[in-house]
N, C-alpha and C. Protein backbone atom coordinates (compact mmCIF):
# COMPACT_ATOMS: atom_id res chain seq x y z
N MET A 1 50.54 78.46 117.93
CA MET A 1 51.62 78.18 118.85
C MET A 1 52.14 79.51 119.40
N LYS A 2 52.34 79.57 120.70
CA LYS A 2 52.91 80.76 121.33
C LYS A 2 54.38 80.87 120.95
N ARG A 3 54.90 82.11 121.03
CA ARG A 3 56.31 82.31 120.74
C ARG A 3 56.91 83.27 121.77
N ILE A 4 58.07 82.91 122.27
CA ILE A 4 58.83 83.78 123.16
C ILE A 4 60.19 84.01 122.52
N ASP A 5 60.58 85.28 122.40
CA ASP A 5 61.88 85.63 121.83
C ASP A 5 62.82 86.07 122.94
N VAL A 6 64.02 85.50 122.99
CA VAL A 6 65.05 85.92 123.93
C VAL A 6 65.87 86.99 123.22
N VAL A 7 65.77 88.23 123.74
CA VAL A 7 66.40 89.37 123.06
C VAL A 7 67.23 90.21 124.02
N LYS A 8 68.18 90.95 123.46
CA LYS A 8 69.04 91.86 124.22
C LYS A 8 68.26 93.13 124.52
N LYS A 9 68.31 93.55 125.76
CA LYS A 9 67.69 94.80 126.22
C LYS A 9 68.80 95.72 126.73
N LYS A 10 68.45 96.96 127.05
CA LYS A 10 69.44 97.92 127.56
C LYS A 10 70.13 97.42 128.82
N ASP A 11 69.37 96.81 129.71
CA ASP A 11 69.90 96.40 131.01
C ASP A 11 70.09 94.89 131.15
N GLY A 12 70.21 94.17 130.05
CA GLY A 12 70.43 92.73 130.09
C GLY A 12 69.69 92.01 128.98
N TRP A 13 69.12 90.87 129.31
CA TRP A 13 68.38 90.05 128.35
C TRP A 13 67.00 89.76 128.91
N ALA A 14 66.03 89.48 128.02
CA ALA A 14 64.68 89.17 128.47
C ALA A 14 63.96 88.32 127.44
N GLY A 15 62.99 87.55 127.91
CA GLY A 15 62.09 86.82 127.04
C GLY A 15 60.90 87.72 126.76
N THR A 16 60.60 87.93 125.48
CA THR A 16 59.48 88.80 125.13
C THR A 16 58.47 88.06 124.27
N SER A 17 57.21 88.45 124.41
CA SER A 17 56.13 87.88 123.61
C SER A 17 55.15 89.01 123.31
N GLY A 18 54.89 89.25 122.04
CA GLY A 18 53.98 90.31 121.67
C GLY A 18 54.48 91.69 122.06
N GLY A 19 55.79 91.87 122.12
CA GLY A 19 56.37 93.16 122.46
C GLY A 19 56.48 93.43 123.95
N LYS A 20 56.02 92.50 124.78
CA LYS A 20 56.07 92.68 126.23
C LYS A 20 56.97 91.63 126.86
N THR A 21 57.65 92.01 127.94
CA THR A 21 58.52 91.08 128.64
C THR A 21 57.68 90.03 129.37
N VAL A 22 58.06 88.78 129.21
CA VAL A 22 57.37 87.67 129.88
C VAL A 22 57.87 87.61 131.33
N ARG A 23 56.94 87.54 132.27
CA ARG A 23 57.27 87.54 133.69
C ARG A 23 58.22 86.39 134.02
N GLY A 24 59.28 86.73 134.77
CA GLY A 24 60.22 85.71 135.24
C GLY A 24 61.30 85.32 134.26
N THR A 25 61.47 86.08 133.16
CA THR A 25 62.48 85.71 132.16
C THR A 25 63.63 86.71 132.06
N LYS A 26 63.59 87.79 132.79
CA LYS A 26 64.61 88.83 132.68
C LYS A 26 65.84 88.46 133.50
N ALA A 27 67.04 88.69 132.93
CA ALA A 27 68.30 88.41 133.62
C ALA A 27 69.41 89.25 133.00
N THR A 28 70.56 89.29 133.67
CA THR A 28 71.68 90.08 133.17
C THR A 28 72.47 89.33 132.09
N THR A 29 72.41 88.00 132.10
CA THR A 29 73.15 87.22 131.10
C THR A 29 72.19 86.49 130.16
N LYS A 30 72.66 86.24 128.97
CA LYS A 30 71.86 85.51 127.98
C LYS A 30 71.59 84.08 128.44
N ALA A 31 72.60 83.43 128.97
CA ALA A 31 72.46 82.03 129.41
C ALA A 31 71.38 81.91 130.49
N GLU A 32 71.37 82.81 131.44
CA GLU A 32 70.39 82.77 132.52
C GLU A 32 68.99 83.04 131.97
N THR A 33 68.88 83.96 131.02
CA THR A 33 67.58 84.27 130.42
C THR A 33 67.05 83.07 129.64
N VAL A 34 67.92 82.39 128.90
CA VAL A 34 67.50 81.19 128.15
C VAL A 34 67.01 80.13 129.12
N LYS A 35 67.70 79.95 130.23
CA LYS A 35 67.32 78.97 131.24
C LYS A 35 65.94 79.31 131.81
N LYS A 36 65.72 80.57 132.17
CA LYS A 36 64.43 81.00 132.73
C LYS A 36 63.31 80.89 131.71
N THR A 37 63.58 81.28 130.47
CA THR A 37 62.57 81.23 129.42
C THR A 37 62.19 79.79 129.10
N THR A 38 63.16 78.91 129.09
CA THR A 38 62.90 77.49 128.86
C THR A 38 61.99 76.92 129.95
N ALA A 39 62.24 77.30 131.19
CA ALA A 39 61.41 76.83 132.30
C ALA A 39 59.97 77.32 132.14
N VAL A 40 59.80 78.58 131.74
CA VAL A 40 58.46 79.13 131.53
C VAL A 40 57.76 78.39 130.39
N ALA A 41 58.48 78.13 129.31
CA ALA A 41 57.89 77.45 128.15
C ALA A 41 57.47 76.02 128.49
N LYS A 42 58.26 75.33 129.28
CA LYS A 42 57.94 73.95 129.64
C LYS A 42 56.71 73.85 130.53
N LYS A 43 56.44 74.90 131.32
CA LYS A 43 55.28 74.90 132.22
C LYS A 43 53.97 75.23 131.50
N ASP A 44 54.07 75.85 130.33
CA ASP A 44 52.88 76.26 129.60
C ASP A 44 52.11 75.06 129.09
N ARG A 45 50.80 75.14 129.08
CA ARG A 45 49.97 74.04 128.61
C ARG A 45 49.97 73.92 127.09
N GLU A 46 50.18 75.04 126.42
CA GLU A 46 50.22 75.06 124.96
C GLU A 46 51.66 74.90 124.48
N PRO A 47 51.84 74.44 123.23
CA PRO A 47 53.19 74.40 122.67
C PRO A 47 53.78 75.82 122.57
N VAL A 48 55.06 75.93 122.84
CA VAL A 48 55.73 77.24 122.81
C VAL A 48 56.99 77.14 121.97
N SER A 49 57.18 78.11 121.08
CA SER A 49 58.40 78.22 120.29
C SER A 49 59.27 79.28 120.94
N VAL A 50 60.53 78.93 121.26
CA VAL A 50 61.47 79.87 121.86
C VAL A 50 62.53 80.20 120.82
N ARG A 51 62.60 81.47 120.45
CA ARG A 51 63.61 81.94 119.50
C ARG A 51 64.68 82.69 120.27
N ILE A 52 65.91 82.21 120.15
CA ILE A 52 67.04 82.83 120.84
C ILE A 52 67.79 83.69 119.82
N HIS A 53 67.89 84.98 120.13
CA HIS A 53 68.51 85.93 119.22
C HIS A 53 69.94 86.27 119.65
N LYS A 54 70.75 86.67 118.68
CA LYS A 54 72.09 87.18 118.95
C LYS A 54 71.94 88.65 119.39
N GLU A 55 73.02 89.26 119.83
CA GLU A 55 72.98 90.66 120.23
C GLU A 55 72.54 91.56 119.09
N ASN A 56 72.86 91.19 117.84
CA ASN A 56 72.51 92.02 116.69
C ASN A 56 71.08 91.79 116.21
N GLY A 57 70.34 90.90 116.88
CA GLY A 57 68.95 90.68 116.55
C GLY A 57 68.68 89.47 115.66
N GLN A 58 69.71 88.91 115.04
CA GLN A 58 69.52 87.74 114.19
C GLN A 58 69.16 86.53 115.04
N ILE A 59 68.34 85.64 114.47
CA ILE A 59 67.96 84.43 115.19
C ILE A 59 69.13 83.47 115.20
N GLN A 60 69.52 83.04 116.39
CA GLN A 60 70.63 82.11 116.55
C GLN A 60 70.12 80.67 116.60
N GLU A 61 68.99 80.47 117.28
CA GLU A 61 68.47 79.12 117.49
C GLU A 61 66.98 79.20 117.78
N GLU A 62 66.26 78.14 117.42
CA GLU A 62 64.84 78.07 117.74
C GLU A 62 64.56 76.70 118.35
N ARG A 63 63.83 76.71 119.48
CA ARG A 63 63.47 75.48 120.19
C ARG A 63 61.96 75.43 120.36
N THR A 64 61.40 74.23 120.38
CA THR A 64 59.96 74.06 120.59
C THR A 64 59.74 73.18 121.81
N TYR A 65 58.82 73.62 122.67
CA TYR A 65 58.46 72.86 123.87
C TYR A 65 56.97 72.59 123.86
N PRO A 66 56.49 71.38 124.04
CA PRO A 66 57.30 70.16 124.06
C PRO A 66 57.84 69.85 122.67
N SER A 67 58.89 69.07 122.61
CA SER A 67 59.53 68.78 121.33
C SER A 67 58.60 68.03 120.38
N SER A 68 57.61 67.35 120.91
CA SER A 68 56.65 66.63 120.04
C SER A 68 55.81 67.60 119.20
N ALA A 69 55.77 68.88 119.60
CA ALA A 69 55.02 69.89 118.85
C ALA A 69 55.86 70.53 117.75
N ASP A 70 57.12 70.12 117.64
CA ASP A 70 58.02 70.67 116.63
C ASP A 70 57.48 70.34 115.24
N PRO A 71 57.38 71.35 114.37
CA PRO A 71 56.87 71.07 113.02
C PRO A 71 57.80 70.10 112.28
N ARG A 72 57.21 69.30 111.41
CA ARG A 72 58.01 68.37 110.61
C ARG A 72 58.96 69.12 109.70
N SER A 73 60.13 68.58 109.51
CA SER A 73 61.06 69.21 108.57
C SER A 73 60.63 68.86 107.16
N SER A 74 60.92 69.76 106.23
CA SER A 74 60.55 69.52 104.85
C SER A 74 61.75 69.70 103.93
N LYS A 75 61.69 69.11 102.75
CA LYS A 75 62.77 69.25 101.79
C LYS A 75 62.76 70.67 101.24
N GLY A 76 63.98 71.14 100.94
CA GLY A 76 64.12 72.44 100.28
C GLY A 76 63.97 73.54 101.20
């Protein structure tokens, strides 16, 4: 499964994959970057995991597109 991380950069926010910025995901606000990254993930033919990070780098939320590709939850 592909993964795109929404992270804080010097000049705003960007969606990154494999250490490189994903085309069309860079923006000045986090909300706009999440919106753009979600659109990119939905267009991809493969399942994509989007990890949204806080400014300090911690993972705030993780989304999977399409949602049917979301791994099953497990106990513990």
